[in-house]
Structures are given as C-alpha cells and as structure tokens.
C-alpha cells in the first residue's frame, strides 16, 4: 500500500499583499476571465447568444453520443466501486473520523446537488412530458392522460436520477481521496495527479481549476438569475411585490447577501444549519402535497413511476434518437447531461469537502442512492399531484407551465381546493426557494475560494465576501443585459472539456486504488498475517 504524500509547494499561495492566502495566478486569471466573459456577453447579447448557441448546437447535435457514453461509463464505474474490494477504504487516513453526523452530511449533499430546482421542476417537467415525448409516440400512448403521466414521471426521474448523481460521486470521491489520503490540495487538478504528476502545480493544473471556477461562478449566476422567476412569482401571488425586473434584482441582492454571510460563517455553522432546516421544511412540503392531493392516486403513480424508472434506466441511458428532425433528446436529455457535467466541479468539490473519514462504500451509497431515492419519491408525488389537479380537479396546471414553468407549482397548490391553505403553502414554497438558493450560493462561494486558495478548507474571509458578492453581481448584470440565456448555453459548452476530465478521473482513480491496494498473492498474505500477530 502506498504511503506517498504530495503536499502542495509552499510558493503556491501568496504570503503577503491583497492575495494573501490565495494563489495569485489563479486569482488574477479568474477575475480576468469573469470580466472578459461578462463584457463580451453584455456588449452584444444577441451576437454572444449566437456564438454560444452554435457551440451548444454542435455539441448536442453532433456529440450527443459522447455525452451518452460518458454518463453511462461513469455510472457503471461508480457501481463497480460500490461493490469492489476497495469499499472499506477510507477517504482519509485509516484513523480519520467523519467531521459531520450522517444526517448533517446528507443534508449538505442535498444543499449542493439539488436545491430549489426540485420544487418547481417537480411539477413543470412532468407537465411538459405528459403532453408529448418520443416514448409516448413509440408506445402509441395519447398525451395528457394517466398513462402519459406515468411515462412523464419516468422521464423526469431519469433526468434527475442515477446518471447525474454518479457524476457527482466520481468527482467528490476522487477529490476526497487524493486530498485526504494523498495530501494533495482540495482542488479539481488533484484528481488528475495520476496523469499529470507534478505538472498539476503548473499551467495544466491552473487550466483545470479555471474550468472548475468557470463552471461554479457562472453556474451559480445562471441558476440564481433564472431561479429568481419562481421566487418573484410566489411573492406576486402573495401580494408582497410585483414581478418586475427591479424587484428581481433586489431579490438577487438579498439572496447574495444571505449566501455570502452564510459562507463567511463556514461549513460547520451556516451551511450545515441551513441545509438541515431546508431538508425538514422540504419534507413537510412533500407531506402536504401527498395529503392534499388524491393520496391513493399519488401513491399509486409514485410507486409505478419508481418501478418504471428502475426497470428502464439502463435502456433509456443508452438510447439515442435516430430521427434527425426530432430535437426532443437534444432539448432535454443531452441538455441535462451537459448541465450536470458543468456543475460537477462545484458540487463534487463541496461534497468532498464535507466527506472526510467516510469509506468508499458509504460514500457511494449515500451520495448516489440516498439522493436518488428522494428524487424518485419527490418527482413521483409532485408530478402525480399536478397530474391529478390537471386531469381531475379542474385543470390549469399544464396551461400554467406552458405560459411560465415557474408558476406550475403554485397552480397545483391552488388546484387542491383548500383555499385556506393556499397562502400558507405559497409562503412555505417561496421561503424554501430563497433558502435553497442561499445554500447553493454559500456552498458555491466556499468551493471557489477553496480552489483559489489551493485547497484551504478555511479560506480567508475577505475572499469569501469578494467571491460571494461577485457571483451575485454577475447574475444581476447579466439579468439587466438579458444575457442569462447566453450564459446558460455557454455553461453547457464548458461541460465538454469537463466531460473529458471526468473520463480521465475515472481512469486515474482505478489506477491509483489498484496501486495503493494491490491484490496480495499467497506469500504476501502469509507475511502480512505474521507481521500482524
């Protein structure tokens, strides 16, 4: 077993000046990258959108097979790790214990990996797919029916399920292993040490980390900018404020301030506490949807959707649409894979940050199977409740989603028929949306600062403030300029080099584990037994 350690060189982090505690090259390069990108986008939003769209269209139209291959290879690699002889290996030294309780740890996994998207997409996506999708056409099922709803829930589970979370498992496990067991910096570059060796500290390592910073800050800015819509819609429904651009910018500022404050307090306080509150409140919302909707129908659809997904996720994962004129797979599945991949550096590093002391088997089980189980339950209940309202209780959910994806969840609540509960539930949904965005913002800020400080788990407070505010300002500027759509497209394009990095990570992880824990022959085993007596 290898005892090789690779601490970062002393000159990687500035000892004085403005960048004290940070890698100066990375700090300056990140700032320049953000300024150039935002400047290019807002100078001519339409042209920037065309440029990024061209790249995206090439990727999803020409390289769809590559994205399908990547997510499937990584999913099977994670299952192999889960069942392999390396399952008891710790992400850390042999005597390291976890930093957080299992409940707090799982709550923080959700805060980084899922968040607010579940709340409005849990209704919106099934309501899009219930109308039309290739699987309905192939099965001869009519849209806007109960049978179509079952297929829609299966597709939604597929897009939010095992394939996406396997990507997070790979990145998080690789970074945690090389950082806590091999003493490499907790940054994206460290996962490529088996390939780059000492070059991880040079230009190639800087490039890999800059790709991670790009995915983090612009992914956060995009999610915050686009996610403001359902928050503003909820507040307008409550009569608290009008859904105007000015008010949306105020909300961005408030969420940025809250997220930055939480990041300053650190993982053990702000991030952990907010994550636990979010999980409990979200479970309460889930129970309300189950109880207020036709419960028997919802439970039946949820169980059917779960079984349907588990039976079909492998053939669906390998399916590539052979009809060039039909763009459904590009608009949905390939877009989802690109988005999951683009978020891998951010979510994976945060998961690694809170996972010291876990075994590989425990890590793979909890990061893959627990979130996916919750996703299946959540999408089943929300999608079935929305279906019940639209088909049996007066309708309006599909029309609401077609007009504005963010309004579907509020229309579902109104359609339950309990007028006295509409306002309290709308308040709960709106507050949860804000709170989930705050946890995404604070965890993203900590991830950026950790990468720029070459793996320091407690980066300087001034940089947590700086990068927290920067992500909010970036979102606000792009909202004003109408550039969020272009940014979202650019994030998908950035996922292509990350996809290549992921394949290299999987190869490097397998190589390193086999080197660190070789299969012992009979003589070696006898010698080891003798030494252990």
Protein backbone atom coordinates (compact mmCIF):
# COMPACT_ATOMS: atom_id res chain seq x y z
CA UNK A 1 0.00 0.00 0.00
CA UNK A 2 1.35 3.42 -0.96
CA UNK A 3 2.13 5.93 1.78
CA UNK A 4 3.16 8.58 -0.72
CA UNK A 5 2.23 12.15 0.23
CA UNK A 6 2.11 15.13 -2.11
CA UNK A 7 1.67 18.35 -0.16
CA UNK A 8 1.37 21.47 -2.29
CA UNK A 9 4.53 23.54 -2.83
CA UNK A 10 4.99 26.41 -0.37
CA UNK A 11 5.07 29.04 -3.13
CA UNK A 12 1.60 28.16 -4.47
CA UNK A 13 -0.15 30.58 -2.08
CA UNK A 14 0.72 34.26 -1.59
CA UNK A 15 2.18 35.13 1.82
CA UNK A 16 1.56 38.90 1.62
CA UNK A 17 -0.42 41.52 -0.29
CA UNK A 18 -4.02 41.52 -1.46
CA UNK A 19 -3.91 37.84 -2.47
CA UNK A 20 -2.60 36.58 0.87
CA UNK A 21 -3.89 33.06 1.33
CA UNK A 22 -4.74 32.71 -2.38
CA UNK A 23 -2.90 31.54 -5.47
CA UNK A 24 -2.09 34.85 -7.17
CA UNK A 25 -2.06 33.47 -10.71
CA UNK A 26 -5.41 31.75 -10.24
CA UNK A 27 -6.95 34.78 -8.53
CA UNK A 28 -5.96 37.21 -11.29
CA UNK A 29 -6.85 34.76 -14.08
CA UNK A 30 -10.31 34.16 -12.55
CA UNK A 31 -11.07 37.87 -12.31
CA UNK A 32 -9.91 38.49 -15.89
CA UNK A 33 -11.95 35.52 -17.13
CA UNK A 34 -15.12 36.82 -15.47
CA UNK A 35 -14.62 40.39 -16.73
CA UNK A 36 -13.92 39.26 -20.29
CA UNK A 37 -16.88 36.89 -20.39
CA UNK A 38 -19.38 39.32 -18.89
CA UNK A 39 -18.05 42.15 -21.08
CA UNK A 40 -18.31 40.06 -24.24
CA UNK A 41 -21.82 38.92 -23.36
CA UNK A 42 -23.36 42.29 -22.46
CA UNK A 43 -21.65 44.23 -25.27
CA UNK A 44 -23.80 42.41 -27.82
CA UNK A 45 -26.13 39.92 -26.18
CA UNK A 46 -27.63 38.66 -29.43
CA UNK A 47 -24.25 38.01 -31.02
CA UNK A 48 -22.91 36.35 -27.86
CA UNK A 49 -26.02 34.18 -27.73
CA UNK A 50 -25.48 33.13 -31.35
CA UNK A 51 -21.84 32.24 -30.70
CA UNK A 52 -22.64 30.14 -27.65
CA UNK A 53 -25.68 28.60 -29.32
CA UNK A 54 -23.54 27.49 -32.25
CA UNK A 55 -21.25 25.67 -29.85
CA UNK A 56 -24.17 24.16 -27.98
CA UNK A 57 -25.91 23.05 -31.18
CA UNK A 58 -22.72 21.36 -32.34
CA UNK A 59 -22.34 19.54 -29.05
CA UNK A 60 -25.91 18.34 -28.64
CA UNK A 61 -26.37 17.68 -32.36
CA UNK A 62 -23.04 16.02 -33.12
CA UNK A 63 -21.61 14.82 -29.81
CA UNK A 64 -24.81 13.53 -28.23
CA UNK A 65 -23.35 10.01 -28.43
CA UNK A 66 -20.28 11.18 -26.48
CA UNK A 67 -22.34 12.64 -23.62
CA UNK A 68 -24.44 9.45 -23.50
CA UNK A 69 -21.24 7.38 -23.43
CA UNK A 70 -19.65 9.50 -20.66
CA UNK A 71 -22.59 9.37 -18.23
CA UNK A 72 -23.03 5.62 -18.72
CA UNK A 73 -19.34 4.80 -18.32
CA UNK A 74 -19.21 6.80 -15.10
CA UNK A 75 -22.43 5.28 -13.73
CA UNK A 76 -21.08 1.75 -14.23
CA UNK A 77 -17.71 2.79 -12.78
CA UNK A 78 -19.44 4.04 -9.61
CA UNK A 79 -21.42 0.81 -9.29
CA UNK A 80 -18.13 -1.09 -9.67
CA UNK A 81 -16.57 0.98 -6.89
CA UNK A 82 -19.60 0.38 -4.68
CA UNK A 83 -19.25 -3.40 -4.96
CA UNK A 84 -15.46 -3.64 -5.26
CA UNK A 85 -12.85 -4.78 -2.74
CA UNK A 86 -12.00 -1.10 -2.18
CA UNK A 87 -15.30 -0.42 -0.42
CA UNK A 88 -13.79 -0.26 3.08
CA UNK A 89 -11.02 2.16 2.09
CA UNK A 90 -11.39 5.49 3.89
CA UNK A 91 -11.42 8.88 2.23
CA UNK A 92 -8.70 9.98 4.61
CA UNK A 93 -6.21 8.34 6.91
CA UNK A 94 -7.22 5.00 8.43
CA UNK A 95 -7.97 6.58 11.82
CA UNK A 96 -9.87 9.63 10.46
CA UNK A 97 -13.46 10.01 11.67
CA UNK A 98 -16.23 11.91 9.82
CA UNK A 99 -16.42 15.65 10.50
CA UNK A 100 -20.25 15.68 10.49
CA UNK A 101 -23.07 13.41 11.60
CA UNK A 102 -24.59 11.28 8.84
CA UNK A 103 -27.82 13.32 8.88
CA UNK A 104 -25.99 16.66 8.60
CA UNK A 105 -23.77 15.22 5.90
CA UNK A 106 -26.71 14.01 3.79
CA UNK A 107 -28.50 17.35 4.25
CA UNK A 108 -25.45 19.17 2.88
CA UNK A 109 -25.33 16.80 -0.10
CA UNK A 110 -28.82 17.96 -0.99
CA UNK A 111 -27.98 21.63 -0.47
CA UNK A 112 -25.27 21.47 -3.13
CA UNK A 113 -26.64 18.86 -5.51
CA UNK A 114 -30.37 19.55 -5.75
CA UNK A 115 -31.82 22.59 -4.01
CA UNK A 116 -34.63 24.72 -5.33
CA UNK A 117 -34.92 23.07 -8.74
CA UNK A 118 -36.87 20.18 -7.26
CA UNK A 119 -39.66 22.47 -6.12
CA UNK A 120 -40.69 23.99 -9.44
CA UNK A 121 -39.32 21.36 -11.86
CA UNK A 122 -41.04 18.65 -9.83
CA UNK A 123 -44.27 19.97 -11.35
CA UNK A 124 -43.05 21.64 -14.53
CA UNK A 125 -41.07 18.82 -16.13
CA UNK A 126 -43.71 16.07 -15.83
CA UNK A 127 -46.28 18.55 -17.18
CA UNK A 128 -44.10 19.19 -20.24
CA UNK A 129 -43.53 15.49 -20.90
CA UNK A 130 -47.16 14.47 -20.33
CA UNK A 131 -48.09 16.41 -23.47
CA UNK A 132 -45.63 14.85 -25.89
CA UNK A 133 -42.37 12.90 -25.95
CA UNK A 134 -40.80 10.16 -28.14
CA UNK A 135 -41.61 7.40 -25.66
CA UNK A 136 -45.33 8.19 -25.92
CA UNK A 137 -45.10 8.07 -29.70
CA UNK A 138 -43.25 4.73 -29.69
CA UNK A 139 -45.77 3.18 -27.27
CA UNK A 140 -48.80 4.66 -29.03
CA UNK A 141 -49.93 6.44 -25.84
CA UNK A 142 -52.11 9.53 -26.13
CA UNK A 143 -50.85 12.69 -24.44
CA UNK A 144 -52.50 14.32 -21.41
CA UNK A 145 -53.65 11.01 -19.95
CA UNK A 146 -52.82 8.98 -16.86
CA UNK A 147 -50.70 6.61 -18.97
CA UNK A 148 -48.81 9.59 -20.39
CA UNK A 149 -48.27 10.90 -16.85
CA UNK A 150 -46.61 7.65 -15.81
CA UNK A 151 -44.17 7.92 -18.71
CA UNK A 152 -43.58 11.61 -17.90
CA UNK A 153 -42.63 10.78 -14.30
CA UNK A 154 -40.28 8.04 -15.51
CA UNK A 155 -38.51 10.52 -17.82
CA UNK A 156 -38.26 13.11 -15.04
CA UNK A 157 -36.75 10.52 -12.67
CA UNK A 158 -34.29 9.60 -15.43
CA UNK A 159 -33.11 13.19 -15.90
CA UNK A 160 -32.69 13.76 -12.14
CA UNK A 161 -31.59 10.28 -11.15
CA UNK A 162 -28.69 7.85 -11.11
CA UNK A 163 -26.78 9.05 -14.18
CA UNK A 164 -26.48 12.63 -12.96
CA UNK A 165 -25.62 11.78 -9.36
CA UNK A 166 -22.96 9.28 -10.48
CA UNK A 167 -21.05 12.23 -11.96
CA UNK A 168 -21.05 13.94 -8.56
CA UNK A 169 -19.93 10.72 -6.87
CA UNK A 170 -16.92 10.38 -9.16
CA UNK A 171 -15.70 13.96 -8.70
CA UNK A 172 -16.37 14.08 -4.96
CA UNK A 173 -14.77 10.70 -4.28
CA UNK A 174 -11.68 11.44 -6.42
CA UNK A 175 -11.05 14.81 -4.78
CA UNK A 176 -11.64 13.48 -1.26
CA UNK A 177 -9.31 10.52 -1.85
CA UNK A 178 -6.41 12.49 -3.29
CA UNK A 179 -6.80 15.32 -0.79
CA UNK A 180 -7.38 13.43 2.47
CA UNK A 181 -5.43 10.24 1.73
CA UNK A 182 -2.66 11.51 -0.56
CA UNK A 183 -2.40 15.03 0.97
CA UNK A 184 -2.90 16.83 -2.33
CA UNK A 185 -4.71 20.20 -2.43
CA UNK A 186 -8.51 20.03 -2.34
CA UNK A 187 -8.85 21.33 -5.90
CA UNK A 188 -10.01 19.87 -9.20
CA UNK A 189 -6.44 19.48 -10.50
CA UNK A 190 -5.58 16.93 -7.81
CA UNK A 191 -7.85 14.27 -9.34
CA UNK A 192 -5.58 14.27 -12.41
CA UNK A 193 -2.40 13.62 -10.43
CA UNK A 194 -2.11 10.03 -11.73
CA UNK A 195 -1.83 11.50 -15.24
CA UNK A 196 -0.13 14.88 -14.78
CA UNK A 197 2.03 14.04 -11.75
CA UNK A 198 3.90 17.19 -10.58
CA UNK A 199 2.54 19.11 -13.58
CA UNK A 200 -0.68 19.58 -11.60
CA UNK A 201 1.09 22.55 -9.98
CA UNK A 202 1.82 24.19 -13.33
CA UNK A 203 -0.20 25.66 -16.23
CA UNK A 204 -2.15 22.44 -16.87
CA UNK A 205 -3.30 22.35 -13.27
CA UNK A 206 -4.25 26.04 -13.41
CA UNK A 207 -6.30 25.41 -16.56
CA UNK A 208 -8.22 22.53 -14.95
CA UNK A 209 -9.03 24.63 -11.87
CA UNK A 210 -10.06 27.63 -14.00
CA UNK A 211 -12.54 25.39 -15.81
CA UNK A 212 -13.90 24.47 -12.38
CA UNK A 213 -14.13 28.12 -11.31
CA UNK A 214 -15.92 28.96 -14.58
CA UNK A 215 -18.47 26.21 -14.06
CA UNK A 216 -19.02 27.27 -10.45
CA UNK A 217 -19.43 31.03 -10.70
CA UNK A 218 -21.34 31.10 -13.97
CA UNK A 219 -23.43 28.09 -13.00
CA UNK A 220 -24.37 29.87 -9.78
CA UNK A 221 -25.09 33.12 -11.61
CA UNK A 222 -27.29 31.33 -14.14
CA UNK A 223 -29.22 29.37 -11.53
CA UNK A 224 -29.69 32.45 -9.38
CA UNK A 225 -30.81 34.61 -12.29
CA UNK A 226 -33.22 32.04 -13.72
CA UNK A 227 -34.39 30.88 -10.27
CA UNK A 228 -35.46 34.38 -9.25
CA UNK A 229 -38.51 33.97 -11.52
CA UNK A 230 -40.37 31.42 -9.32
CA UNK A 231 -39.48 33.37 -6.16
CA UNK A 232 -40.82 36.59 -7.64
CA UNK A 233 -43.90 34.74 -8.92
CA UNK A 234 -44.59 33.42 -5.42
CA UNK A 235 -44.25 36.85 -3.86
CA UNK A 236 -46.54 38.32 -6.50
CA UNK A 237 -49.14 35.63 -5.75
CA UNK A 238 -48.91 36.60 -2.09
CA UNK A 239 -49.32 40.28 -2.92
CA UNK A 240 -45.93 41.15 -1.41
CA UNK A 241 -44.36 42.64 -4.52
CA UNK A 242 -44.78 42.92 -8.27
CA UNK A 243 -42.80 40.59 -10.50
CA UNK A 244 -40.69 43.30 -12.14
CA UNK A 245 -37.04 43.30 -13.14
CA UNK A 246 -36.20 45.86 -10.45
CA UNK A 247 -37.73 43.70 -7.74
CA UNK A 248 -35.97 40.63 -9.13
CA UNK A 249 -32.64 42.46 -8.85
CA UNK A 250 -33.48 43.33 -5.23
CA UNK A 251 -34.11 39.64 -4.57
CA UNK A 252 -30.76 38.75 -6.15
CA UNK A 253 -29.07 41.23 -3.82
CA UNK A 254 -30.85 39.84 -0.74
CA UNK A 255 -30.04 36.20 -1.58
CA UNK A 256 -26.43 37.13 -2.36
CA UNK A 257 -26.08 38.89 0.99
CA UNK A 258 -27.57 35.95 2.88
CA UNK A 259 -25.45 33.41 0.98
CA UNK A 260 -22.26 35.40 1.49
CA UNK A 261 -22.99 35.76 5.20
CA UNK A 262 -23.54 32.01 5.48
CA UNK A 263 -20.28 31.33 3.59
CA UNK A 264 -18.38 33.63 5.95
CA UNK A 265 -19.67 31.65 8.95
CA UNK A 266 -18.26 28.43 7.43
CA UNK A 267 -19.46 24.91 6.63
CA UNK A 268 -19.91 23.80 10.23
CA UNK A 269 -22.32 26.61 11.05
CA UNK A 270 -24.23 28.44 8.32
CA UNK A 271 -24.16 25.82 5.57
CA UNK A 272 -24.92 22.89 7.87
CA UNK A 273 -27.72 24.60 9.81
CA UNK A 274 -29.44 25.99 6.70
CA UNK A 275 -29.19 22.62 4.95
CA UNK A 276 -30.84 20.81 7.85
CA UNK A 277 -33.64 23.39 8.05
CA UNK A 278 -34.22 23.11 4.29
CA UNK A 279 -34.48 19.32 4.42
CA UNK A 280 -37.03 19.32 7.26
CA UNK A 281 -39.12 22.07 5.64
CA UNK A 282 -39.00 20.33 2.26
CA UNK A 283 -40.18 17.07 3.82
CA UNK A 284 -43.07 18.99 5.32
CA UNK A 285 -43.98 20.37 1.89
CA UNK A 286 -43.79 16.87 0.41
CA UNK A 287 -46.20 15.53 3.04
CA UNK A 288 -48.63 18.39 2.32
CA UNK A 289 -48.67 17.53 -1.40
CA UNK A 290 -49.26 13.87 -0.57
CA UNK A 291 -52.10 14.56 1.87
CA UNK A 292 -53.90 17.37 0.00
CA UNK A 293 -53.84 15.64 -3.40
CA UNK A 294 -55.81 12.41 -4.00
CA UNK A 295 -53.46 10.32 -1.83
CA UNK A 296 -54.23 6.87 -3.21
CA UNK A 297 -53.76 8.08 -6.79
CA UNK A 298 -50.49 9.85 -5.93
CA UNK A 299 -49.03 6.85 -4.08
CA UNK A 300 -50.00 4.50 -6.90
CA UNK A 301 -48.45 6.74 -9.55
CA UNK A 302 -45.31 7.28 -7.46
CA UNK A 303 -44.73 3.55 -6.97
CA UNK A 304 -45.47 2.85 -10.63
CA UNK A 305 -43.11 5.62 -11.72
CA UNK A 306 -40.35 4.30 -9.44
CA UNK A 307 -40.64 0.76 -10.78
CA UNK A 308 -40.90 2.02 -14.35
CA UNK A 309 -37.70 4.04 -13.92
CA UNK A 310 -35.70 1.27 -12.23
CA UNK A 311 -36.73 -1.17 -14.95
CA UNK A 312 -35.88 1.19 -17.81
CA UNK A 313 -33.00 3.42 -16.68
CA UNK A 314 -30.33 1.31 -18.45
CA UNK A 315 -32.03 1.14 -21.88
CA UNK A 316 -33.06 4.80 -21.55
CA UNK A 317 -29.48 5.69 -20.66
CA UNK A 318 -28.17 4.16 -23.89
CA UNK A 319 -30.99 5.39 -26.13
CA UNK A 320 -30.05 7.84 -28.89
CA UNK A 321 -32.85 9.26 -31.02
CA UNK A 322 -32.36 8.16 -34.63
CA UNK A 323 -34.69 10.75 -36.12
CA UNK A 324 -32.56 13.83 -37.04
CA UNK A 325 -35.57 16.11 -37.38
CA UNK A 326 -36.82 15.45 -33.86
CA UNK A 327 -34.86 17.51 -31.35
CA UNK A 328 -36.51 16.34 -28.12
CA UNK A 329 -33.46 14.43 -26.87
CA UNK A 330 -31.19 17.40 -27.56
CA UNK A 331 -33.52 19.85 -25.81
CA UNK A 332 -33.96 17.63 -22.77
CA UNK A 333 -31.66 14.67 -22.11
CA UNK A 334 -28.42 15.95 -23.69
CA UNK A 335 -29.04 19.40 -22.22
CA UNK A 336 -29.45 17.79 -18.79
CA UNK A 337 -26.25 15.76 -19.16
CA UNK A 338 -24.37 18.89 -20.19
CA UNK A 339 -25.76 20.79 -17.21
CA UNK A 340 -24.95 18.00 -14.73
CA UNK A 341 -21.41 17.78 -16.13
CA UNK A 342 -20.91 21.56 -15.97
CA UNK A 343 -21.89 21.53 -12.27
CA UNK A 344 -19.61 18.60 -11.39
CA UNK A 345 -16.58 20.63 -10.24
CA UNK A 346 -18.71 22.77 -7.90
CA UNK A 347 -20.88 20.04 -6.38
CA UNK A 348 -18.17 17.40 -6.38
CA UNK A 349 -15.66 19.58 -4.54
CA UNK A 350 -18.24 20.64 -1.96
CA UNK A 351 -19.24 17.01 -1.35
CA UNK A 352 -15.56 16.11 -0.97
CA UNK A 353 -15.12 18.98 1.49
CA UNK A 354 -17.71 17.50 3.88
CA UNK A 355 -16.86 13.80 3.40
CA UNK A 356 -13.54 13.26 5.16
CA UNK A 357 -13.49 9.97 7.09
CA UNK A 358 -16.22 8.21 5.06
CA UNK A 359 -15.47 4.87 3.44
CA UNK A 360 -15.72 4.49 -0.33
CA UNK A 361 -18.72 2.16 0.02
CA UNK A 362 -20.52 4.51 2.42
CA UNK A 363 -19.74 7.47 0.18
CA UNK A 364 -21.02 5.79 -2.99
CA UNK A 365 -24.14 4.52 -1.23
CA UNK A 366 -25.13 7.80 0.41
CA UNK A 367 -24.17 10.17 -2.41
CA UNK A 368 -25.74 8.02 -5.13
CA UNK A 369 -28.61 6.00 -3.71
CA UNK A 370 -30.00 8.25 -0.95
CA UNK A 371 -30.49 11.41 -3.08
CA UNK A 372 -31.87 9.37 -6.00
CA UNK A 373 -34.37 7.66 -3.68
CA UNK A 374 -35.58 11.06 -2.51
CA UNK A 375 -35.73 12.32 -6.11
CA UNK A 376 -37.91 9.37 -7.14
CA UNK A 377 -40.24 9.99 -4.19
CA UNK A 378 -40.34 13.74 -4.76
CA UNK A 379 -40.90 13.69 -8.52
CA UNK A 380 -43.49 10.97 -8.14
CA UNK A 381 -45.52 12.87 -5.54
CA UNK A 382 -45.22 16.31 -7.15
CA UNK A 383 -45.76 15.03 -10.69
CA UNK A 384 -48.73 12.87 -9.65
CA UNK A 385 -50.30 15.67 -7.62
CA UNK A 386 -50.03 18.04 -10.59
CA UNK A 387 -51.48 15.35 -12.87
CA UNK A 388 -54.43 14.82 -10.51
CA UNK A 389 -55.16 18.56 -10.40
CA UNK A 390 -54.95 18.92 -14.17
CA UNK A 391 -56.93 15.81 -15.13
CA UNK A 392 -59.46 15.51 -12.29
CA UNK A 393 -59.65 18.67 -10.18
CA UNK A 394 -60.31 21.49 -12.59
CA UNK A 395 -57.11 21.61 -14.64
CA UNK A 396 -54.95 24.59 -15.44
CA UNK A 397 -51.53 23.20 -14.46
CA UNK A 398 -50.38 22.34 -17.98
CA UNK A 399 -51.52 25.74 -19.27
CA UNK A 400 -49.74 27.47 -16.39
CA UNK A 401 -46.49 25.57 -17.07
CA UNK A 402 -46.67 26.31 -20.79
CA UNK A 403 -47.04 30.01 -20.00
CA UNK A 404 -44.35 30.09 -17.27
CA UNK A 405 -42.56 26.99 -15.98
CA UNK A 406 -42.24 28.56 -12.52
CA UNK A 407 -45.98 29.01 -11.99
CA UNK A 408 -46.96 25.34 -12.23
CA UNK A 409 -46.27 24.53 -8.58
CA UNK A 410 -48.43 27.46 -7.41
CA UNK A 411 -51.26 26.45 -9.76
CA UNK A 412 -51.08 22.93 -8.34
CA UNK A 413 -51.45 24.24 -4.78
CA UNK A 414 -54.43 26.37 -5.81
CA UNK A 415 -55.99 23.37 -7.57
CA UNK A 416 -56.07 21.22 -4.43
CA UNK A 417 -59.25 23.07 -3.46
CA UNK A 418 -58.26 24.09 0.08
CA UNK A 419 -58.45 27.87 -0.17
CA UNK A 420 -57.44 28.48 3.45
CA UNK A 421 -54.16 26.63 2.87
CA UNK A 422 -53.13 28.28 -0.41
CA UNK A 423 -51.45 31.29 1.22
CA UNK A 424 -49.53 29.36 3.93
CA UNK A 425 -48.26 26.79 1.41
CA UNK A 426 -47.30 29.50 -1.07
CA UNK A 427 -45.34 31.22 1.70
CA UNK A 428 -43.60 27.93 2.55
CA UNK A 429 -42.69 27.32 -1.11
CA UNK A 430 -41.37 30.86 -1.59
CA UNK A 431 -39.31 30.81 1.61
CA UNK A 432 -37.92 27.39 0.68
CA UNK A 433 -36.90 28.64 -2.76
CA UNK A 434 -35.00 31.50 -1.15
CA UNK A 435 -33.40 29.26 1.45
CA UNK A 436 -32.29 26.63 -1.08
CA UNK A 437 -30.74 29.34 -3.24
CA UNK A 438 -28.89 30.69 -0.21
CA UNK A 439 -27.37 27.26 0.49
CA UNK A 440 -26.35 26.91 -3.17
CA UNK A 441 -24.79 30.37 -3.06
CA UNK A 442 -22.83 29.80 0.15
CA UNK A 443 -21.56 26.36 -0.84
CA UNK A 444 -20.56 27.66 -4.28
CA UNK A 445 -18.67 30.56 -2.71
CA UNK A 446 -16.77 28.21 -0.41
CA UNK A 447 -15.90 25.96 -3.36
CA UNK A 448 -14.48 28.83 -5.42
CA UNK A 449 -12.42 30.11 -2.50
CA UNK A 450 -11.16 26.60 -1.72
CA UNK A 451 -9.94 26.11 -5.29
CA UNK A 452 -8.32 29.55 -5.46
CA UNK A 453 -6.58 29.02 -2.12
CA UNK A 454 -5.14 25.70 -3.32
CA UNK A 455 -7.35 23.58 -1.09
CA UNK A 456 -7.52 25.61 2.12
CA UNK A 457 -10.68 24.39 3.88
CA UNK A 458 -10.95 27.73 5.71
CA UNK A 459 -10.11 30.33 3.05
CA UNK A 460 -9.69 34.00 4.09
CA UNK A 461 -12.97 35.70 4.97
CA UNK A 462 -12.28 38.67 2.68
CA UNK A 463 -12.26 36.32 -0.31
CA UNK A 464 -15.46 34.61 0.77
CA UNK A 465 -17.01 38.07 0.82
CA UNK A 466 -15.49 39.03 -2.52
CA UNK A 467 -16.50 35.93 -4.46
CA UNK A 468 -19.93 35.71 -2.84
CA UNK A 469 -20.68 39.27 -3.90
CA UNK A 470 -19.11 38.72 -7.33
CA UNK A 471 -21.46 35.83 -8.16
CA UNK A 472 -24.49 37.97 -7.25
CA UNK A 473 -23.24 40.99 -9.20
CA UNK A 474 -22.55 38.78 -12.22
CA UNK A 475 -26.11 37.42 -12.11
CA UNK A 476 -27.54 40.93 -11.75
CA UNK A 477 -25.56 42.38 -14.66
CA UNK A 478 -26.47 39.53 -16.97
CA UNK A 479 -30.13 39.80 -15.95
CA UNK A 480 -30.15 43.51 -16.84
CA UNK A 481 -28.47 42.85 -20.16
CA UNK A 482 -30.65 39.86 -21.00
CA UNK A 483 -27.60 37.62 -21.13
CA UNK A 484 -28.63 34.79 -18.80
CA UNK A 485 -29.77 32.62 -21.68
CA UNK A 486 -26.39 33.06 -23.38
CA UNK A 487 -24.63 32.23 -20.12
CA UNK A 488 -26.72 29.10 -19.66
CA UNK A 489 -25.76 28.00 -23.17
CA UNK A 490 -22.09 28.77 -22.54
CA UNK A 491 -22.15 26.66 -19.38
CA UNK A 492 -23.26 23.66 -21.42
CA UNK A 493 -20.41 24.27 -23.88
CA UNK A 494 -17.97 24.40 -20.93
CA UNK A 495 -19.21 20.94 -19.99
CA UNK A 496 -17.37 19.37 -22.96
CA UNK A 497 -13.81 19.69 -21.56
CA UNK A 498 -15.15 18.71 -18.13
CA UNK A 499 -16.60 15.53 -19.66
CA UNK A 500 -13.13 14.61 -20.90
CA UNK A 501 -11.68 15.37 -17.46
CA UNK A 502 -14.27 13.06 -15.88
CA UNK A 503 -13.15 10.11 -18.00
CA UNK A 504 -9.53 10.80 -17.04
CA UNK A 505 -10.61 10.99 -13.38
CA UNK A 506 -12.23 7.55 -13.53
CA UNK A 507 -9.13 6.02 -15.13
CA UNK A 508 -6.83 7.73 -12.61
CA UNK A 509 -8.96 6.64 -9.64
CA UNK A 510 -8.98 2.99 -10.74
CA UNK A 511 -5.23 3.08 -11.40
CA UNK A 512 -4.44 4.64 -8.02
CA UNK A 513 -6.64 2.29 -5.99
CA UNK A 514 -5.03 -0.74 -7.61
CA UNK A 515 -1.57 0.70 -6.90
CA UNK A 516 -2.37 1.63 -3.29
CA UNK A 517 -4.17 -1.64 -2.53
CA UNK A 518 -2.70 -4.37 -4.73
CA UNK A 519 -4.07 -7.89 -4.71
CA UNK A 520 -1.80 -9.90 -2.43
CA UNK A 521 -0.59 -13.32 -3.51
CA UNK A 522 -0.46 -16.24 -1.04
CA UNK A 523 3.09 -15.48 0.14
CA UNK A 524 2.31 -11.79 0.74
CA UNK A 525 -0.79 -12.71 2.72
CA UNK A 526 1.16 -15.08 4.97
CA UNK A 527 3.81 -12.42 5.56
CA UNK A 528 1.14 -9.82 6.40
CA UNK A 529 -0.59 -12.21 8.81
CA UNK A 530 2.75 -12.92 10.52
CA UNK A 531 3.51 -9.18 10.90
CA UNK A 532 0.05 -8.51 12.33
CA UNK A 533 0.40 -11.12 15.08
